[in-house]
Amino acid sequence: MGPVDFATFVDKLATVAGEAIRPFFRTTLGVQNKSSGGVFDPVTEADRAAETAMRALIRKTFPAHGIIGEEFGDDRPDAAYVWVLDPIDGTKSFIAGMPNWGTLIGLLKDGEPVYGMMHQPFIGERFTGDGAVARYRGPAGERKLSARGCKAVKDAILFTTSPLLMNDEERQRFRRVEQAAQLSRYGGDCYAYCMVAAGHIDLVIEAGLNRYDIMPLIPIVEGAGGIVTSWDGGPATEGGRVIAAGDKRVHEQALKLLST
């Protein structure tokens, strides 16, 4: 069974997650801090409700599949098929009432990302990809996604969620790319990666990512013709320091700036 066979099921997962999340957005809701080390890492009731709904549907439909989720940990992560769930990527934007967040749903086959979706239920947008093709569905209709050409960092629009999420060394390395770029903007979380796939952003550079933050986005960016790696050019599936680019030429230049 190929990843395309799961597309309809992923739509169902996105729908149940969206139904769980929407009543909480821009309303009074409980927020807890997951971190005990002085860093604000919020989790909301909406996060838990959405992941609970998605896990229940996966277990009912594909009981042999594994699950990696942000809120409730790993369940058979060594299975042949593993679902990767981040119910609200961009929780800080969510609790601030900003729409720069989304539900991430990914599928691994034998440890490799083969299908991904970013769903923004408030706006009603879905970005999907299988590594070969990426598509958009939403208020603007339906279309194939295609990353744009960008041969040099000096011509690039660069995004990161926040340099404050990087340590001092990472921030210094990021600044080298930022100073060379045409335009640098902060914020976006998962949305920035989808804008790379859509041809509006050229580079996204992040640090400190978890697996569930990036795995579902890799098939979308790559399906649109882009590239996602670690800062040293290796696989990005385990998170950490990640760079996504719409063009391999600007990706190569940015890697050199990050490493010098």
C-alpha atoms as a PDB file:
ATOM      1  CA  MET A   1       0.000   0.000   0.000  1.00  0.00           C
ATOM      2  CA  GLY A   2       1.536   3.301  -1.068  1.00  0.00           C
ATOM      3  CA  PRO A   3       1.266   6.659   0.698  1.00  0.00           C
ATOM      4  CA  VAL A   4      -1.320   7.920  -1.780  1.00  0.00           C
ATOM      5  CA  ASP A   5      -3.744   5.318  -0.406  1.00  0.00           C
ATOM      6  CA  PHE A   6      -3.649   7.097   2.947  1.00  0.00           C
ATOM      7  CA  ALA A   7      -4.581  10.537   1.594  1.00  0.00           C
ATOM      8  CA  THR A   8      -8.308  10.177   2.308  1.00  0.00           C
ATOM      9  CA  PHE A   9      -7.584   8.934   5.818  1.00  0.00           C
ATOM     10  CA  VAL A  10      -5.264  11.882   6.507  1.00  0.00           C
ATOM     11  CA  ASP A  11      -8.109  14.193   5.492  1.00  0.00           C
ATOM     12  CA  LYS A  12     -10.298  12.473   8.105  1.00  0.00           C
ATOM     13  CA  LEU A  13      -7.614  12.905  10.761  1.00  0.00           C
ATOM     14  CA  ALA A  14      -7.307  16.599   9.899  1.00  0.00           C
ATOM     15  CA  THR A  15     -11.069  17.051  10.079  1.00  0.00           C
ATOM     16  CA  VAL A  16     -11.454  15.467  13.531  1.00  0.00           C
ATOM     17  CA  ALA A  17      -8.469  17.453  14.809  1.00  0.00           C
ATOM     18  CA  GLY A  18      -9.908  20.682  13.444  1.00  0.00           C
ATOM     19  CA  GLU A  19     -13.275  19.985  15.051  1.00  0.00           C
ATOM     20  CA  ALA A  20     -11.515  19.518  18.387  1.00  0.00           C
ATOM     21  CA  ILE A  21      -9.371  22.646  18.059  1.00  0.00           C
ATOM     22  CA  ARG A  22     -11.645  25.322  16.585  1.00  0.00           C
ATOM     23  CA  PRO A  23     -13.857  25.822  19.683  1.00  0.00           C
ATOM     24  CA  PHE A  24     -10.754  26.799  21.666  1.00  0.00           C
ATOM     25  CA  PHE A  25      -9.177  29.310  19.264  1.00  0.00           C
ATOM     26  CA  ARG A  26      -9.543  32.967  20.294  1.00  0.00           C
ATOM     27  CA  THR A  27     -11.535  31.955  23.345  1.00  0.00           C
ATOM     28  CA  THR A  28     -10.786  31.643  27.051  1.00  0.00           C
ATOM     29  CA  LEU A  29      -8.953  28.355  27.482  1.00  0.00           C
ATOM     30  CA  GLY A  30      -6.652  26.652  29.937  1.00  0.00           C
ATOM     31  CA  VAL A  31      -2.929  26.970  29.183  1.00  0.00           C
ATOM     32  CA  GLN A  32      -0.240  25.040  31.040  1.00  0.00           C
ATOM     33  CA  ASN A  33       3.528  25.397  30.832  1.00  0.00           C
ATOM     34  CA  LYS A  34       5.174  22.067  29.889  1.00  0.00           C
ATOM     35  CA  SER A  35       8.665  23.326  30.739  1.00  0.00           C
ATOM     36  CA  SER A  36      10.091  23.320  34.257  1.00  0.00           C
ATOM     37  CA  GLY A  37      13.262  25.186  33.298  1.00  0.00           C
ATOM     38  CA  GLY A  38      12.093  28.773  32.987  1.00  0.00           C
ATOM     39  CA  VAL A  39      11.281  28.591  29.244  1.00  0.00           C
ATOM     40  CA  PHE A  40       7.627  29.160  28.387  1.00  0.00           C
ATOM     41  CA  ASP A  41       6.459  26.040  26.518  1.00  0.00           C
ATOM     42  CA  PRO A  42       2.660  26.134  26.562  1.00  0.00           C
ATOM     43  CA  VAL A  43       0.257  23.298  25.952  1.00  0.00           C
ATOM     44  CA  THR A  44      -3.455  23.878  25.616  1.00  0.00           C
ATOM     45  CA  GLU A  45      -6.573  21.814  26.116  1.00  0.00           C
ATOM     46  CA  ALA A  46      -6.987  22.028  22.345  1.00  0.00           C
ATOM     47  CA  ASP A  47      -3.636  20.242  21.810  1.00  0.00           C
ATOM     48  CA  ARG A  48      -4.688  17.311  23.953  1.00  0.00           C
ATOM     49  CA  ALA A  49      -8.211  17.112  22.580  1.00  0.00           C
ATOM     50  CA  ALA A  50      -6.993  17.050  18.972  1.00  0.00           C
ATOM     51  CA  GLU A  51      -4.279  14.442  19.516  1.00  0.00           C
ATOM     52  CA  THR A  52      -6.679  12.244  21.502  1.00  0.00           C
ATOM     53  CA  ALA A  53      -9.173  12.327  18.622  1.00  0.00           C
ATOM     54  CA  MET A  54      -6.509  11.532  16.008  1.00  0.00           C
ATOM     55  CA  ARG A  55      -5.008   8.684  18.049  1.00  0.00           C
ATOM     56  CA  ALA A  56      -8.430   7.115  18.547  1.00  0.00           C
ATOM     57  CA  LEU A  57      -9.144   7.162  14.796  1.00  0.00           C
ATOM     58  CA  ILE A  58      -5.724   5.699  13.947  1.00  0.00           C
ATOM     59  CA  ARG A  59      -6.070   2.873  16.477  1.00  0.00           C
ATOM     60  CA  LYS A  60      -9.548   2.057  15.208  1.00  0.00           C
ATOM     61  CA  THR A  61      -8.578   2.098  11.520  1.00  0.00           C
ATOM     62  CA  PHE A  62      -4.962   0.873  11.560  1.00  0.00           C
ATOM     63  CA  PRO A  63      -4.390  -0.969  14.857  1.00  0.00           C
ATOM     64  CA  ALA A  64      -0.988  -2.293  13.755  1.00  0.00           C
ATOM     65  CA  HIS A  65       0.410   1.176  13.032  1.00  0.00           C
ATOM     66  CA  GLY A  66       2.645   3.099  15.401  1.00  0.00           C
ATOM     67  CA  ILE A  67       2.186   6.673  16.599  1.00  0.00           C
ATOM     68  CA  ILE A  68       4.637   9.435  17.522  1.00  0.00           C
ATOM     69  CA  GLY A  69       2.811  12.375  19.077  1.00  0.00           C
ATOM     70  CA  GLU A  70       3.718  15.578  20.857  1.00  0.00           C
ATOM     71  CA  GLU A  71       1.313  15.276  23.772  1.00  0.00           C
ATOM     72  CA  PHE A  72       1.134  11.546  24.527  1.00  0.00           C
ATOM     73  CA  GLY A  73       4.501  10.144  23.445  1.00  0.00           C
ATOM     74  CA  ASP A  74       5.411   7.134  21.302  1.00  0.00           C
ATOM     75  CA  ASP A  75       3.361   4.014  20.673  1.00  0.00           C
ATOM     76  CA  ARG A  76       5.164   1.293  18.657  1.00  0.00           C
ATOM     77  CA  PRO A  77       7.526   3.743  16.909  1.00  0.00           C
ATOM     78  CA  ASP A  78       9.319   0.790  15.254  1.00  0.00           C
ATOM     79  CA  ALA A  79       6.231  -0.363  13.314  1.00  0.00           C
ATOM     80  CA  ALA A  80       6.391  -0.468   9.509  1.00  0.00           C
ATOM     81  CA  TYR A  81       3.924   2.442   9.330  1.00  0.00           C
ATOM     82  CA  VAL A  82       4.111   5.175  11.969  1.00  0.00           C
ATOM     83  CA  TRP A  83       1.935   8.281  12.245  1.00  0.00           C
ATOM     84  CA  VAL A  84       3.585  11.508  13.405  1.00  0.00           C
ATOM     85  CA  LEU A  85       1.227  13.998  15.055  1.00  0.00           C
ATOM     86  CA  ASP A  86       1.660  17.583  16.212  1.00  0.00           C
ATOM     87  CA  PRO A  87      -1.884  18.747  16.976  1.00  0.00           C
ATOM     88  CA  ILE A  88      -0.985  22.451  17.193  1.00  0.00           C
ATOM     89  CA  ASP A  89       2.386  23.457  15.790  1.00  0.00           C
ATOM     90  CA  GLY A  90       2.704  27.090  16.795  1.00  0.00           C
ATOM     91  CA  THR A  91       0.994  26.935  20.193  1.00  0.00           C
ATOM     92  CA  LYS A  92       2.391  30.324  21.219  1.00  0.00           C
ATOM     93  CA  SER A  93       0.766  31.938  18.179  1.00  0.00           C
ATOM     94  CA  PHE A  94      -2.412  29.985  18.940  1.00  0.00           C
ATOM     95  CA  ILE A  95      -2.743  31.293  22.497  1.00  0.00           C
ATOM     96  CA  ALA A  96      -2.006  34.830  21.227  1.00  0.00           C
ATOM     97  CA  GLY A  97      -4.902  34.599  18.745  1.00  0.00           C
ATOM     98  CA  MET A  98      -2.574  34.694  15.731  1.00  0.00           C
ATOM     99  CA  PRO A  99      -3.396  32.262  12.869  1.00  0.00           C
ATOM    100  CA  ASN A 100       0.234  31.183  12.232  1.00  0.00           C
ATOM    101  CA  TRP A 101      -0.288  27.647  13.497  1.00  0.00           C
ATOM    102  CA  GLY A 102      -1.452  24.343  12.091  1.00  0.00           C
ATOM    103  CA  THR A 103      -2.038  20.662  12.697  1.00  0.00           C
ATOM    104  CA  LEU A 104       0.806  18.490  11.402  1.00  0.00           C
ATOM    105  CA  ILE A 105       0.114  14.909  10.323  1.00  0.00           C
ATOM    106  CA  GLY A 106       2.865  12.759   8.884  1.00  0.00           C
ATOM    107  CA  LEU A 107       3.247   9.139   7.850  1.00  0.00           C
ATOM    108  CA  LEU A 108       6.496   7.198   8.028  1.00  0.00           C
ATOM    109  CA  LYS A 109       7.087   3.979   6.121  1.00  0.00           C
ATOM    110  CA  ASP A 110      10.073   2.022   7.409  1.00  0.00           C
ATOM    111  CA  GLY A 111      11.275   5.176   9.139  1.00  0.00           C
ATOM    112  CA  GLU A 112      11.084   7.470   6.090  1.00  0.00           C
ATOM    113  CA  PRO A 113       8.551  10.324   5.691  1.00  0.00           C
ATOM    114  CA  VAL A 114       6.252   9.405   2.793  1.00  0.00           C
ATOM    115  CA  TYR A 115       3.225  11.660   3.308  1.00  0.00           C
ATOM    116  CA  GLY A 116       2.506  14.871   5.168  1.00  0.00           C
ATOM    117  CA  MET A 117      -0.208  17.435   5.761  1.00  0.00           C
ATOM    118  CA  MET A 118      -0.363  20.839   7.379  1.00  0.00           C
ATOM    119  CA  HIS A 119      -3.976  21.757   8.163  1.00  0.00           C
ATOM    120  CA  GLN A 120      -5.011  25.234   9.306  1.00  0.00           C
ATOM    121  CA  PRO A 121      -8.617  24.657  10.420  1.00  0.00           C
ATOM    122  CA  PHE A 122      -9.423  28.292  11.252  1.00  0.00           C
ATOM    123  CA  ILE A 123      -8.541  29.499   7.749  1.00  0.00           C
ATOM    124  CA  GLY A 124      -9.478  26.205   6.109  1.00  0.00           C
ATOM    125  CA  GLU A 125      -6.204  25.475   4.317  1.00  0.00           C
ATOM    126  CA  ARG A 126      -4.584  22.090   3.703  1.00  0.00           C
ATOM    127  CA  PHE A 127      -1.058  21.635   2.357  1.00  0.00           C
ATOM    128  CA  THR A 128      -0.145  18.056   1.432  1.00  0.00           C
ATOM    129  CA  GLY A 129       2.791  16.253  -0.134  1.00  0.00           C
ATOM    130  CA  ASP A 130       4.220  12.796  -0.757  1.00  0.00           C
ATOM    131  CA  GLY A 131       7.774  13.791  -1.646  1.00  0.00           C
ATOM    132  CA  ALA A 132       7.013  13.762  -5.380  1.00  0.00           C
ATOM    133  CA  VAL A 133       4.022  16.133  -5.600  1.00  0.00           C
ATOM    134  CA  ALA A 134       2.610  18.756  -3.216  1.00  0.00           C
ATOM    135  CA  ARG A 135      -0.827  20.349  -3.313  1.00  0.00           C
ATOM    136  CA  TYR A 136      -2.868  23.145  -1.744  1.00  0.00           C
ATOM    137  CA  ARG A 137      -6.592  23.151  -0.941  1.00  0.00           C
ATOM    138  CA  GLY A 138      -8.370  26.055   0.665  1.00  0.00           C
ATOM    139  CA  PRO A 139     -10.275  29.315   0.149  1.00  0.00           C
ATOM    140  CA  ALA A 140      -8.050  30.053  -2.861  1.00  0.00           C
ATOM    141  CA  GLY A 141      -9.127  26.805  -4.535  1.00  0.00           C
ATOM    142  CA  GLU A 142      -6.937  23.826  -5.334  1.00  0.00           C
ATOM    143  CA  ARG A 143      -3.553  23.803  -7.016  1.00  0.00           C
ATOM    144  CA  LYS A 144      -0.231  22.080  -7.283  1.00  0.00           C
ATOM    145  CA  LEU A 145       2.530  23.604  -5.172  1.00  0.00           C
ATOM    146  CA  SER A 146       5.874  24.518  -6.683  1.00  0.00           C
ATOM    147  CA  ALA A 147       8.847  26.071  -4.896  1.00  0.00           C
ATOM    148  CA  ARG A 148      10.401  28.995  -6.713  1.00  0.00           C
ATOM    149  CA  GLY A 149      13.902  29.387  -8.051  1.00  0.00           C
ATOM    150  CA  CYS A 150      16.433  31.365  -6.019  1.00  0.00           C
ATOM    151  CA  LYS A 151      20.106  31.013  -6.840  1.00  0.00           C
ATOM    152  CA  ALA A 152      21.659  33.198  -4.131  1.00  0.00           C
ATOM    153  CA  VAL A 153      21.106  34.097  -0.463  1.00  0.00           C
ATOM    154  CA  LYS A 154      21.240  37.795  -1.401  1.00  0.00           C
ATOM    155  CA  ASP A 155      17.988  37.282  -3.332  1.00  0.00           C
ATOM    156  CA  ALA A 156      16.295  35.184  -0.630  1.00  0.00           C
ATOM    157  CA  ILE A 157      13.395  35.757   1.728  1.00  0.00           C
ATOM    158  CA  LEU A 158      14.411  34.065   4.997  1.00  0.00           C
ATOM    159  CA  PHE A 159      12.172  33.000   7.886  1.00  0.00           C
ATOM    160  CA  THR A 160      12.750  31.625  11.358  1.00  0.00           C
ATOM    161  CA  THR A 161      10.193  31.301  14.135  1.00  0.00           C
ATOM    162  CA  SER A 162      12.474  33.213  16.517  1.00  0.00           C
ATOM    163  CA  PRO A 163      16.240  33.554  17.013  1.00  0.00           C
ATOM    164  CA  LEU A 164      15.458  33.414  20.742  1.00  0.00           C
ATOM    165  CA  LEU A 165      14.822  29.675  20.291  1.00  0.00           C
ATOM    166  CA  MET A 166      18.498  29.244  19.329  1.00  0.00           C
ATOM    167  CA  ASN A 167      21.503  29.102  21.633  1.00  0.00           C
ATOM    168  CA  ASP A 168      24.230  31.750  21.326  1.00  0.00           C
ATOM    169  CA  GLU A 169      26.338  29.775  18.837  1.00  0.00           C
ATOM    170  CA  GLU A 170      23.341  28.895  16.659  1.00  0.00           C
ATOM    171  CA  ARG A 171      22.187  32.502  16.715  1.00  0.00           C
ATOM    172  CA  GLN A 172      25.574  33.746  15.533  1.00  0.00           C
ATOM    173  CA  ARG A 173      25.558  31.254  12.666  1.00  0.00           C
ATOM    174  CA  PHE A 174      21.992  32.184  11.731  1.00  0.00           C
ATOM    175  CA  ARG A 175      22.887  35.909  11.741  1.00  0.00           C
ATOM    176  CA  ARG A 176      25.447  35.303   8.979  1.00  0.00           C
ATOM    177  CA  VAL A 177      22.679  34.069   6.698  1.00  0.00           C
ATOM    178  CA  GLU A 178      20.294  36.770   7.889  1.00  0.00           C
ATOM    179  CA  GLN A 179      22.745  39.566   7.146  1.00  0.00           C
ATOM    180  CA  ALA A 180      23.275  38.230   3.621  1.00  0.00           C
ATOM    181  CA  ALA A 181      19.575  37.701   2.829  1.00  0.00           C
ATOM    182  CA  GLN A 182      17.358  40.152   0.970  1.00  0.00           C
ATOM    183  CA  LEU A 183      14.660  40.025   3.652  1.00  0.00           C
ATOM    184  CA  SER A 184      14.398  38.309   7.040  1.00  0.00           C
ATOM    185  CA  ARG A 185      11.157  37.790   8.961  1.00  0.00           C
ATOM    186  CA  TYR A 186      10.273  36.055  12.232  1.00  0.00           C
ATOM    187  CA  GLY A 187       7.295  33.844  13.048  1.00  0.00           C
ATOM    188  CA  GLY A 188       5.389  31.289  11.061  1.00  0.00           C
ATOM    189  CA  ASP A 189       6.265  27.940  12.618  1.00  0.00           C
ATOM    190  CA  CYS A 190       4.914  25.274  10.223  1.00  0.00           C
ATOM    191  CA  TYR A 191       3.373  27.920   7.952  1.00  0.00           C
ATOM    192  CA  ALA A 192       6.783  29.133   6.826  1.00  0.00           C
ATOM    193  CA  TYR A 193       7.684  25.693   5.453  1.00  0.00           C
ATOM    194  CA  CYS A 194       4.423  25.566   3.524  1.00  0.00           C
ATOM    195  CA  MET A 195       5.199  28.983   2.065  1.00  0.00           C
ATOM    196  CA  VAL A 196       8.519  27.570   0.827  1.00  0.00           C
ATOM    197  CA  ALA A 197       6.482  24.864  -0.931  1.00  0.00           C
ATOM    198  CA  ALA A 198       4.090  27.500  -2.276  1.00  0.00           C
ATOM    199  CA  GLY A 199       6.908  29.602  -3.752  1.00  0.00           C
ATOM    200  CA  HIS A 200       6.685  32.641  -1.451  1.00  0.00           C
ATOM    201  CA  ILE A 201       9.664  32.017   0.870  1.00  0.00           C
ATOM    202  CA  ASP A 202      13.145  30.823  -0.101  1.00  0.00           C
ATOM    203  CA  LEU A 203      14.702  29.725   3.208  1.00  0.00           C
ATOM    204  CA  VAL A 204      13.594  28.594   6.654  1.00  0.00           C
ATOM    205  CA  ILE A 205      16.298  28.082   9.278  1.00  0.00           C
ATOM    206  CA  GLU A 206      15.416  26.686  12.718  1.00  0.00           C
ATOM    207  CA  ALA A 207      17.038  25.048  15.733  1.00  0.00           C
ATOM    208  CA  GLY A 208      15.705  22.946  18.579  1.00  0.00           C
ATOM    209  CA  LEU A 209      12.980  21.208  16.578  1.00  0.00           C
ATOM    210  CA  ASN A 210      11.414  17.934  17.651  1.00  0.00           C
ATOM    211  CA  ARG A 211      10.696  15.056  15.249  1.00  0.00           C
ATOM    212  CA  TYR A 212       7.000  15.859  15.082  1.00  0.00           C
ATOM    213  CA  ASP A 213       7.781  19.518  14.216  1.00  0.00           C
ATOM    214  CA  ILE A 214       9.472  18.628  10.923  1.00  0.00           C
ATOM    215  CA  MET A 215       8.685  15.071   9.764  1.00  0.00           C
ATOM    216  CA  PRO A 216       5.211  15.902   8.364  1.00  0.00           C
ATOM    217  CA  LEU A 217       6.572  18.953   6.522  1.00  0.00           C
ATOM    218  CA  ILE A 218       9.404  17.195   4.675  1.00  0.00           C
ATOM    219  CA  PRO A 219       7.173  15.463   2.051  1.00  0.00           C
ATOM    220  CA  ILE A 220       5.392  18.779   1.406  1.00  0.00           C
ATOM    221  CA  VAL A 221       8.552  20.817   0.794  1.00  0.00           C
ATOM    222  CA  GLU A 222      10.235  18.035  -1.193  1.00  0.00           C
ATOM    223  CA  GLY A 223       7.041  17.362  -3.160  1.00  0.00           C
ATOM    224  CA  ALA A 224       7.114  20.998  -4.285  1.00  0.00           C
ATOM    225  CA  GLY A 225      10.717  20.653  -5.469  1.00  0.00           C
ATOM    226  CA  GLY A 226      12.420  21.985  -2.350  1.00  0.00           C
ATOM    227  CA  ILE A 227      14.960  20.476   0.027  1.00  0.00           C
ATOM    228  CA  VAL A 228      15.024  19.931   3.805  1.00  0.00           C
ATOM    229  CA  THR A 229      18.189  18.964   5.684  1.00  0.00           C
ATOM    230  CA  SER A 230      20.030  19.478   8.935  1.00  0.00           C
ATOM    231  CA  TRP A 231      22.535  22.337   9.176  1.00  0.00           C
ATOM    232  CA  ASP A 232      25.302  19.911   8.235  1.00  0.00           C
ATOM    233  CA  GLY A 233      23.446  18.732   5.126  1.00  0.00           C
ATOM    234  CA  GLY A 234      22.246  15.438   6.583  1.00  0.00           C
ATOM    235  CA  PRO A 235      18.693  14.124   7.139  1.00  0.00           C
ATOM    236  CA  ALA A 236      16.336  16.381   9.094  1.00  0.00           C
ATOM    237  CA  THR A 237      13.923  13.668  10.250  1.00  0.00           C
ATOM    238  CA  GLU A 238      15.090  13.742  13.871  1.00  0.00           C
ATOM    239  CA  GLY A 239      14.641  17.515  14.161  1.00  0.00           C
ATOM    240  CA  GLY A 240      17.263  19.658  15.851  1.00  0.00           C
ATOM    241  CA  ARG A 241      18.900  22.191  13.537  1.00  0.00           C
ATOM    242  CA  VAL A 242      16.906  22.296  10.301  1.00  0.00           C
ATOM    243  CA  ILE A 243      17.131  24.257   7.057  1.00  0.00           C
ATOM    244  CA  ALA A 244      14.493  24.168   4.310  1.00  0.00           C
ATOM    245  CA  ALA A 245      14.935  25.792   0.907  1.00  0.00           C
ATOM    246  CA  GLY A 246      12.983  26.043  -2.306  1.00  0.00           C
ATOM    247  CA  ASP A 247      16.119  25.883  -4.469  1.00  0.00           C
ATOM    248  CA  LYS A 248      19.167  23.650  -3.987  1.00  0.00           C
ATOM    249  CA  ARG A 249      21.478  26.521  -4.996  1.00  0.00           C
ATOM    250  CA  VAL A 250      20.389  28.846  -2.204  1.00  0.00           C
ATOM    251  CA  HIS A 251      20.355  25.877   0.174  1.00  0.00           C
ATOM    252  CA  GLU A 252      24.017  25.161  -0.617  1.00  0.00           C
ATOM    253  CA  GLN A 253      25.007  28.804  -0.091  1.00  0.00           C
ATOM    254  CA  ALA A 254      23.136  29.006   3.215  1.00  0.00           C
ATOM    255  CA  LEU A 255      24.796  25.809   4.454  1.00  0.00           C
ATOM    256  CA  LYS A 256      28.213  27.330   3.807  1.00  0.00           C
ATOM    257  CA  LEU A 257      27.293  30.463   5.771  1.00  0.00           C
ATOM    258  CA  LEU A 258      25.951  28.353   8.640  1.00  0.00           C
ATOM    259  CA  SER A 259      29.153  26.315   8.810  1.00  0.00           C
ATOM    260  CA  THR A 260      31.778  29.089   8.604  1.00  0.00           C
END
